[in-house]
Amino acid sequence: MEDCSRGGVLDGRYELGRVLGYVAFGKVHYACRLRFERSDAIKVVDKGAIIRYGMKDHVKSKISTIRMVLHPNVVELYENKISAIGMILHPNVVELYEVMDTRSKIYLAMELILDGELFARISRVGRLSEFTFCRYFRQLIFAVDFCCR
């Protein structure tokens, strides 16, 4: 596990480390989950930027949906508890652990993917072999199919 003593502690549970990348309204940090000593990623979204670009209602509804799905009581709403867990877990979908927010930021704690983004890899490597392309495309189709069920 990487040393993450450079950043601050978030909500007493995550110690933020270096910046892994940038997203539309913020950045993604490497994070250590203190209790479990596990490496995660924390996406930090700037609420001010969301408001400036007129995305407040859209993001608010998405966050509400995420919180509802992650809430333990939601599992009890389903007859089959396995299917409720299956809504969240899939090998080709990044796992979201929790959502936290402050007055100015939204924090999304999620699974750390060490290989980075697919777009960055394609940009770095250039043209993919047919075999590699088919493997990535198949994973993408499985993930989209899973999320649309």
N, C-alpha and C. Protein backbone atom coordinates (compact mmCIF):
# COMPACT_ATOMS: atom_id res chain seq x y z
N MET A 1 0.84 -1.18 0.00
CA MET A 1 0.00 0.00 0.00
C MET A 1 0.89 1.24 0.00
N GLU A 2 0.48 2.24 -0.74
CA GLU A 2 1.24 3.47 -0.87
C GLU A 2 1.11 4.33 0.39
N ASP A 3 2.19 5.02 0.72
CA ASP A 3 2.15 5.94 1.86
C ASP A 3 1.31 7.15 1.47
N CYS A 4 0.34 7.52 2.31
CA CYS A 4 -0.52 8.65 1.96
C CYS A 4 -0.51 9.68 3.08
N SER A 5 0.64 9.92 3.65
CA SER A 5 0.73 10.85 4.77
C SER A 5 0.78 12.31 4.33
N ARG A 6 0.76 12.56 3.03
CA ARG A 6 0.85 13.94 2.54
C ARG A 6 -0.45 14.72 2.66
N GLY A 7 -1.60 14.04 2.67
CA GLY A 7 -2.88 14.73 2.64
C GLY A 7 -3.55 14.79 3.99
N GLY A 8 -4.74 15.39 4.00
CA GLY A 8 -5.50 15.51 5.23
C GLY A 8 -6.39 14.30 5.43
N VAL A 9 -7.01 14.23 6.59
CA VAL A 9 -7.92 13.14 6.91
C VAL A 9 -9.34 13.61 6.64
N LEU A 10 -10.09 12.81 5.93
CA LEU A 10 -11.46 13.13 5.55
C LEU A 10 -12.42 12.35 6.44
N ASP A 11 -13.21 13.07 7.21
CA ASP A 11 -14.27 12.49 8.04
C ASP A 11 -13.74 11.41 9.00
N GLY A 12 -12.48 11.49 9.36
CA GLY A 12 -11.89 10.53 10.28
C GLY A 12 -11.73 9.12 9.72
N ARG A 13 -12.04 8.94 8.43
CA ARG A 13 -12.01 7.59 7.84
C ARG A 13 -11.01 7.43 6.70
N TYR A 14 -10.74 8.49 5.97
CA TYR A 14 -9.87 8.39 4.80
C TYR A 14 -8.74 9.41 4.91
N GLU A 15 -7.55 8.97 4.61
CA GLU A 15 -6.42 9.88 4.55
C GLU A 15 -6.12 10.11 3.07
N LEU A 16 -6.27 11.37 2.62
CA LEU A 16 -6.09 11.69 1.21
C LEU A 16 -4.62 11.76 0.86
N GLY A 17 -4.28 11.22 -0.29
CA GLY A 17 -2.92 11.24 -0.81
C GLY A 17 -2.82 12.06 -2.07
N ARG A 18 -1.96 11.64 -2.96
CA ARG A 18 -1.69 12.40 -4.19
C ARG A 18 -2.89 12.42 -5.13
N VAL A 19 -2.88 13.37 -6.03
CA VAL A 19 -3.93 13.49 -7.04
C VAL A 19 -3.65 12.47 -8.14
N LEU A 20 -4.65 11.65 -8.44
CA LEU A 20 -4.52 10.63 -9.49
C LEU A 20 -4.94 11.17 -10.85
N GLY A 21 -5.88 12.11 -10.84
CA GLY A 21 -6.37 12.64 -12.11
C GLY A 21 -7.42 13.71 -11.88
N TYR A 22 -7.87 14.27 -12.99
CA TYR A 22 -8.85 15.35 -12.94
C TYR A 22 -10.12 14.92 -13.66
N VAL A 23 -11.27 15.34 -13.11
CA VAL A 23 -12.57 15.06 -13.69
C VAL A 23 -13.25 16.40 -13.99
N ALA A 24 -14.43 16.34 -14.59
CA ALA A 24 -15.11 17.56 -15.04
C ALA A 24 -15.24 18.62 -13.95
N PHE A 25 -15.63 18.25 -12.75
CA PHE A 25 -15.87 19.24 -11.70
C PHE A 25 -14.95 19.08 -10.50
N GLY A 26 -13.82 18.42 -10.66
CA GLY A 26 -12.93 18.25 -9.52
C GLY A 26 -11.75 17.36 -9.85
N LYS A 27 -11.31 16.60 -8.83
CA LYS A 27 -10.16 15.71 -9.01
C LYS A 27 -10.35 14.41 -8.24
N VAL A 28 -9.52 13.43 -8.57
CA VAL A 28 -9.55 12.13 -7.92
C VAL A 28 -8.24 11.96 -7.16
N HIS A 29 -8.36 11.63 -5.86
CA HIS A 29 -7.20 11.44 -5.00
C HIS A 29 -7.03 9.97 -4.65
N TYR A 30 -5.77 9.58 -4.48
CA TYR A 30 -5.46 8.31 -3.84
C TYR A 30 -5.83 8.48 -2.38
N ALA A 31 -6.41 7.46 -1.75
CA ALA A 31 -6.80 7.57 -0.35
C ALA A 31 -6.55 6.25 0.37
N CYS A 32 -6.20 6.36 1.63
CA CYS A 32 -6.08 5.18 2.51
C CYS A 32 -7.28 5.16 3.43
N ARG A 33 -8.00 4.06 3.45
CA ARG A 33 -9.11 3.91 4.40
C ARG A 33 -8.48 3.47 5.71
N LEU A 34 -8.55 4.32 6.71
CA LEU A 34 -7.80 4.14 7.94
C LEU A 34 -8.17 2.88 8.71
N ARG A 35 -9.44 2.61 8.83
CA ARG A 35 -9.88 1.47 9.65
C ARG A 35 -9.46 0.13 9.06
N PHE A 36 -9.55 0.01 7.74
CA PHE A 36 -9.26 -1.26 7.08
C PHE A 36 -7.88 -1.31 6.43
N GLU A 37 -7.17 -0.18 6.47
CA GLU A 37 -5.87 -0.06 5.81
C GLU A 37 -5.96 -0.53 4.36
N ARG A 38 -6.96 -0.01 3.66
CA ARG A 38 -7.21 -0.38 2.27
C ARG A 38 -7.02 0.84 1.39
N SER A 39 -6.50 0.64 0.19
CA SER A 39 -6.33 1.73 -0.75
C SER A 39 -7.63 1.94 -1.54
N ASP A 40 -8.09 3.17 -1.57
CA ASP A 40 -9.29 3.54 -2.31
C ASP A 40 -9.00 4.78 -3.15
N ALA A 41 -9.99 5.22 -3.88
CA ALA A 41 -9.92 6.48 -4.60
C ALA A 41 -11.04 7.37 -4.06
N ILE A 42 -10.77 8.65 -3.93
CA ILE A 42 -11.79 9.61 -3.51
C ILE A 42 -11.93 10.64 -4.62
N LYS A 43 -13.13 10.71 -5.19
CA LYS A 43 -13.42 11.74 -6.18
C LYS A 43 -13.97 12.95 -5.42
N VAL A 44 -13.30 14.09 -5.57
CA VAL A 44 -13.70 15.32 -4.89
C VAL A 44 -14.33 16.23 -5.93
N VAL A 45 -15.62 16.49 -5.77
CA VAL A 45 -16.37 17.30 -6.74
C VAL A 45 -16.68 18.65 -6.11
N ASP A 46 -16.38 19.71 -6.85
CA ASP A 46 -16.61 21.08 -6.40
C ASP A 46 -18.05 21.49 -6.66
N LYS A 47 -18.82 21.73 -5.60
CA LYS A 47 -20.23 22.12 -5.76
C LYS A 47 -20.36 23.46 -6.49
N GLY A 48 -19.41 24.36 -6.26
CA GLY A 48 -19.45 25.66 -6.93
C GLY A 48 -19.39 25.52 -8.44
N ALA A 49 -18.54 24.62 -8.93
CA ALA A 49 -18.44 24.40 -10.37
C ALA A 49 -19.72 23.80 -10.93
N ILE A 50 -20.35 22.92 -10.16
CA ILE A 50 -21.61 22.32 -10.60
C ILE A 50 -22.68 23.39 -10.75
N ILE A 51 -22.73 24.31 -9.80
CA ILE A 51 -23.71 25.39 -9.85
C ILE A 51 -23.42 26.34 -11.01
N ARG A 52 -22.14 26.68 -11.21
CA ARG A 52 -21.76 27.58 -12.31
C ARG A 52 -22.16 27.05 -13.67
N TYR A 53 -22.10 25.73 -13.85
CA TYR A 53 -22.44 25.14 -15.14
C TYR A 53 -23.89 24.69 -15.23
N GLY A 54 -24.70 25.04 -14.23
CA GLY A 54 -26.13 24.75 -14.27
C GLY A 54 -26.46 23.27 -14.14
N MET A 55 -25.63 22.50 -13.44
CA MET A 55 -25.84 21.07 -13.30
C MET A 55 -26.35 20.67 -11.92
N LYS A 56 -26.73 21.64 -11.11
CA LYS A 56 -27.09 21.38 -9.71
C LYS A 56 -28.20 20.34 -9.57
N ASP A 57 -29.31 20.52 -10.27
CA ASP A 57 -30.44 19.59 -10.14
C ASP A 57 -30.08 18.20 -10.64
N HIS A 58 -29.32 18.13 -11.73
CA HIS A 58 -28.91 16.85 -12.30
C HIS A 58 -28.03 16.08 -11.31
N VAL A 59 -27.03 16.73 -10.77
CA VAL A 59 -26.11 16.08 -9.84
C VAL A 59 -26.82 15.73 -8.54
N LYS A 60 -27.69 16.60 -8.07
CA LYS A 60 -28.43 16.35 -6.83
C LYS A 60 -29.27 15.08 -6.94
N SER A 61 -29.94 14.89 -8.08
CA SER A 61 -30.76 13.68 -8.25
C SER A 61 -29.89 12.44 -8.35
N LYS A 62 -28.73 12.54 -8.99
CA LYS A 62 -27.82 11.39 -9.09
C LYS A 62 -27.28 11.01 -7.72
N ILE A 63 -26.88 11.99 -6.92
CA ILE A 63 -26.35 11.72 -5.58
C ILE A 63 -27.43 11.10 -4.70
N SER A 64 -28.66 11.60 -4.80
CA SER A 64 -29.76 11.03 -4.02
C SER A 64 -29.98 9.56 -4.38
N THR A 65 -29.93 9.25 -5.66
CA THR A 65 -30.09 7.87 -6.12
C THR A 65 -28.96 6.99 -5.59
N ILE A 66 -27.73 7.48 -5.67
CA ILE A 66 -26.58 6.72 -5.18
C ILE A 66 -26.72 6.45 -3.70
N ARG A 67 -27.07 7.47 -2.92
CA ARG A 67 -27.23 7.29 -1.48
C ARG A 67 -28.31 6.27 -1.16
N MET A 68 -29.41 6.30 -1.92
CA MET A 68 -30.50 5.37 -1.68
C MET A 68 -30.04 3.93 -1.93
N VAL A 69 -29.31 3.72 -3.01
CA VAL A 69 -28.85 2.37 -3.35
C VAL A 69 -27.83 1.88 -2.33
N LEU A 70 -26.99 2.77 -1.81
CA LEU A 70 -25.96 2.37 -0.86
C LEU A 70 -26.49 2.20 0.56
N HIS A 71 -27.67 2.70 0.85
CA HIS A 71 -28.20 2.63 2.21
C HIS A 71 -28.56 1.19 2.57
N PRO A 72 -28.12 0.70 3.75
CA PRO A 72 -28.37 -0.70 4.12
C PRO A 72 -29.85 -1.07 4.19
N ASN A 73 -30.72 -0.13 4.52
CA ASN A 73 -32.15 -0.44 4.62
C ASN A 73 -32.78 -0.72 3.27
N VAL A 74 -32.15 -0.25 2.19
CA VAL A 74 -32.71 -0.49 0.86
C VAL A 74 -32.67 -1.98 0.54
N VAL A 75 -31.65 -2.67 1.04
CA VAL A 75 -31.54 -4.11 0.80
C VAL A 75 -32.79 -4.83 1.26
N GLU A 76 -33.36 -4.38 2.37
CA GLU A 76 -34.55 -5.03 2.91
C GLU A 76 -35.78 -4.82 2.04
N LEU A 77 -35.75 -3.84 1.14
CA LEU A 77 -36.89 -3.60 0.26
C LEU A 77 -37.01 -4.67 -0.82
N TYR A 78 -35.95 -5.39 -1.05
CA TYR A 78 -35.95 -6.41 -2.09
C TYR A 78 -36.25 -7.77 -1.49
N GLU A 79 -37.03 -8.55 -2.22
CA GLU A 79 -37.35 -9.90 -1.74
C GLU A 79 -36.08 -10.75 -1.69
N ASN A 80 -35.26 -10.59 -2.70
CA ASN A 80 -34.03 -11.37 -2.78
C ASN A 80 -32.86 -10.44 -2.47
N LYS A 81 -32.25 -10.61 -1.30
CA LYS A 81 -31.16 -9.72 -0.89
C LYS A 81 -29.96 -9.82 -1.81
N ILE A 82 -29.75 -10.97 -2.40
CA ILE A 82 -28.62 -11.15 -3.32
C ILE A 82 -28.77 -10.21 -4.53
N SER A 83 -29.99 -10.05 -5.02
CA SER A 83 -30.19 -9.18 -6.18
C SER A 83 -29.90 -7.72 -5.83
N ALA A 84 -30.17 -7.33 -4.58
CA ALA A 84 -29.86 -5.96 -4.17
C ALA A 84 -28.36 -5.73 -4.13
N ILE A 85 -27.63 -6.71 -3.63
CA ILE A 85 -26.17 -6.59 -3.62
C ILE A 85 -25.66 -6.61 -5.05
N GLY A 86 -26.26 -7.43 -5.89
CA GLY A 86 -25.85 -7.52 -7.28
C GLY A 86 -26.04 -6.23 -8.05
N MET A 87 -26.91 -5.35 -7.55
CA MET A 87 -27.10 -4.06 -8.20
C MET A 87 -25.82 -3.23 -8.13
N ILE A 88 -25.02 -3.50 -7.13
CA ILE A 88 -23.84 -2.67 -6.88
C ILE A 88 -22.56 -3.34 -7.35
N LEU A 89 -22.46 -4.65 -7.22
CA LEU A 89 -21.22 -5.36 -7.49
C LEU A 89 -21.19 -5.98 -8.88
N HIS A 90 -20.17 -5.62 -9.65
CA HIS A 90 -19.93 -6.20 -10.96
C HIS A 90 -18.47 -5.98 -11.30
N PRO A 91 -17.78 -6.98 -11.86
CA PRO A 91 -16.34 -6.84 -12.09
C PRO A 91 -15.96 -5.73 -13.08
N ASN A 92 -16.88 -5.29 -13.93
CA ASN A 92 -16.57 -4.25 -14.91
C ASN A 92 -17.18 -2.90 -14.57
N VAL A 93 -17.67 -2.75 -13.33
CA VAL A 93 -18.22 -1.47 -12.87
C VAL A 93 -17.46 -1.08 -11.60
N VAL A 94 -16.98 0.16 -11.57
CA VAL A 94 -16.24 0.63 -10.39
C VAL A 94 -17.18 0.65 -9.20
N GLU A 95 -16.73 0.07 -8.10
CA GLU A 95 -17.57 -0.01 -6.90
C GLU A 95 -17.53 1.31 -6.13
N LEU A 96 -18.69 1.81 -5.79
CA LEU A 96 -18.81 3.04 -5.00
C LEU A 96 -19.13 2.65 -3.57
N TYR A 97 -18.26 3.07 -2.63
CA TYR A 97 -18.42 2.67 -1.23
C TYR A 97 -19.32 3.61 -0.44
N GLU A 98 -19.12 4.91 -0.60
CA GLU A 98 -19.95 5.86 0.14
C GLU A 98 -19.86 7.25 -0.47
N VAL A 99 -20.83 8.09 -0.10
CA VAL A 99 -20.89 9.48 -0.55
C VAL A 99 -20.93 10.36 0.69
N MET A 100 -20.05 11.36 0.71
CA MET A 100 -20.00 12.32 1.81
C MET A 100 -20.04 13.71 1.19
N ASP A 101 -20.56 14.68 1.92
CA ASP A 101 -20.52 16.04 1.38
C ASP A 101 -20.35 17.06 2.49
N THR A 102 -19.80 18.19 2.08
CA THR A 102 -19.64 19.34 2.96
C THR A 102 -20.37 20.49 2.28
N ARG A 103 -20.21 21.68 2.81
CA ARG A 103 -20.86 22.85 2.22
C ARG A 103 -20.37 23.13 0.79
N SER A 104 -19.11 22.82 0.50
CA SER A 104 -18.55 23.18 -0.81
C SER A 104 -18.12 22.00 -1.68
N LYS A 105 -18.09 20.78 -1.13
CA LYS A 105 -17.57 19.64 -1.88
C LYS A 105 -18.44 18.40 -1.69
N ILE A 106 -18.39 17.52 -2.69
CA ILE A 106 -18.98 16.19 -2.61
C ILE A 106 -17.82 15.20 -2.72
N TYR A 107 -17.79 14.22 -1.84
CA TYR A 107 -16.72 13.22 -1.84
C TYR A 107 -17.32 11.86 -2.15
N LEU A 108 -16.80 11.21 -3.17
CA LEU A 108 -17.25 9.88 -3.56
C LEU A 108 -16.11 8.90 -3.30
N ALA A 109 -16.27 8.01 -2.31
CA ALA A 109 -15.26 7.00 -2.01
C ALA A 109 -15.53 5.79 -2.89
N MET A 110 -14.53 5.38 -3.66
CA MET A 110 -14.73 4.31 -4.61
C MET A 110 -13.52 3.40 -4.74
N GLU A 111 -13.75 2.32 -5.42
CA GLU A 111 -12.71 1.33 -5.67
C GLU A 111 -11.54 1.99 -6.42
N LEU A 112 -10.33 1.66 -6.02
CA LEU A 112 -9.14 2.17 -6.69
C LEU A 112 -8.80 1.26 -7.86
N ILE A 113 -8.76 1.83 -9.04
CA ILE A 113 -8.41 1.08 -10.25
C ILE A 113 -6.99 1.48 -10.63
N LEU A 114 -6.07 0.58 -10.47
CA LEU A 114 -4.65 0.90 -10.64
C LEU A 114 -4.24 1.12 -12.09
N ASP A 115 -4.98 0.54 -13.03
CA ASP A 115 -4.59 0.66 -14.44
C ASP A 115 -4.98 2.00 -15.05
N GLY A 116 -5.78 2.80 -14.36
CA GLY A 116 -6.18 4.10 -14.88
C GLY A 116 -7.34 3.99 -15.85
N GLU A 117 -7.60 5.09 -16.54
CA GLU A 117 -8.72 5.14 -17.48
C GLU A 117 -8.38 4.48 -18.80
N LEU A 118 -9.38 3.91 -19.41
CA LEU A 118 -9.20 3.26 -20.71
C LEU A 118 -8.75 4.28 -21.76
N PHE A 119 -9.34 5.46 -21.76
CA PHE A 119 -8.98 6.50 -22.73
C PHE A 119 -7.49 6.84 -22.63
N ALA A 120 -6.99 6.99 -21.40
CA ALA A 120 -5.57 7.32 -21.20
C ALA A 120 -4.68 6.19 -21.73
N ARG A 121 -5.10 4.95 -21.50
CA ARG A 121 -4.31 3.82 -21.98
C ARG A 121 -4.26 3.79 -23.51
N ILE A 122 -5.41 4.01 -24.14
CA ILE A 122 -5.45 4.01 -25.61
C ILE A 122 -4.60 5.17 -26.15
N SER A 123 -4.67 6.32 -25.50
CA SER A 123 -3.87 7.47 -25.92
C SER A 123 -2.38 7.19 -25.80
N ARG A 124 -2.01 6.49 -24.74
CA ARG A 124 -0.60 6.19 -24.47
C ARG A 124 -0.07 5.10 -25.41
N VAL A 125 -0.84 4.03 -25.60
CA VAL A 125 -0.40 2.88 -26.38
C VAL A 125 -0.60 3.10 -27.88
N GLY A 126 -1.62 3.86 -28.21
CA GLY A 126 -1.95 4.03 -29.63
C GLY A 126 -2.95 2.97 -30.06
N ARG A 127 -2.81 2.52 -31.27
CA ARG A 127 -3.75 1.54 -31.82
C ARG A 127 -3.69 0.23 -31.04
N LEU A 128 -4.87 -0.32 -30.72
CA LEU A 128 -4.97 -1.58 -30.00
C LEU A 128 -5.04 -2.74 -30.99
N SER A 129 -4.55 -3.89 -30.57
CA SER A 129 -4.71 -5.08 -31.41
C SER A 129 -6.19 -5.46 -31.42
N GLU A 130 -6.57 -6.23 -32.40
CA GLU A 130 -7.97 -6.65 -32.50
C GLU A 130 -8.38 -7.45 -31.26
N PHE A 131 -7.50 -8.32 -30.80
CA PHE A 131 -7.80 -9.13 -29.62
C PHE A 131 -8.03 -8.25 -28.40
N THR A 132 -7.14 -7.26 -28.16
CA THR A 132 -7.27 -6.37 -27.00
C THR A 132 -8.53 -5.53 -27.12
N PHE A 133 -8.80 -5.00 -28.32
CA PHE A 133 -10.01 -4.22 -28.53
C PHE A 133 -11.25 -5.05 -28.20
N CYS A 134 -11.30 -6.29 -28.68
CA CYS A 134 -12.47 -7.14 -28.44
C CYS A 134 -12.64 -7.43 -26.95
N ARG A 135 -11.53 -7.62 -26.25
CA ARG A 135 -11.61 -7.87 -24.80
C ARG A 135 -12.20 -6.65 -24.08
N TYR A 136 -11.70 -5.46 -24.39
CA TYR A 136 -12.22 -4.23 -23.77
C TYR A 136 -13.67 -3.99 -24.15
N PHE A 137 -13.99 -4.20 -25.42
CA PHE A 137 -15.36 -3.96 -25.89
C PHE A 137 -16.34 -4.91 -25.20
N ARG A 138 -15.93 -6.16 -25.04
CA ARG A 138 -16.79 -7.14 -24.37
C ARG A 138 -17.04 -6.72 -22.91
N GLN A 139 -16.00 -6.28 -22.21
CA GLN A 139 -16.15 -5.82 -20.84
C GLN A 139 -17.09 -4.62 -20.77
N LEU A 140 -16.95 -3.71 -21.71
CA LEU A 140 -17.80 -2.53 -21.76
C LEU A 140 -19.27 -2.91 -21.98
N ILE A 141 -19.51 -3.81 -22.91
CA ILE A 141 -20.88 -4.25 -23.20
C ILE A 141 -21.49 -4.96 -22.00
N PHE A 142 -20.72 -5.82 -21.32
CA PHE A 142 -21.22 -6.48 -20.12
C PHE A 142 -21.58 -5.48 -19.04
N ALA A 143 -20.75 -4.46 -18.86
CA ALA A 143 -21.01 -3.44 -17.83
C ALA A 143 -22.27 -2.64 -18.17
N VAL A 144 -22.41 -2.22 -19.42
CA VAL A 144 -23.59 -1.44 -19.83
C VAL A 144 -24.85 -2.30 -19.71
N ASP A 145 -24.77 -3.55 -20.14
CA ASP A 145 -25.92 -4.45 -20.02
C ASP A 145 -26.32 -4.62 -18.55
N PHE A 146 -25.36 -4.80 -17.69
CA PHE A 146 -25.60 -4.96 -16.27
C PHE A 146 -26.29 -3.74 -15.67
N CYS A 147 -25.80 -2.54 -16.03
CA CYS A 147 -26.35 -1.30 -15.47
C CYS A 147 -27.75 -0.99 -16.02
N CYS A 148 -28.07 -1.49 -17.19
CA CYS A 148 -29.37 -1.18 -17.80
C CYS A 148 -30.46 -2.19 -17.45
N ARG A 149 -30.15 -3.19 -16.67
CA ARG A 149 -31.17 -4.18 -16.28
C ARG A 149 -32.06 -3.65 -15.20
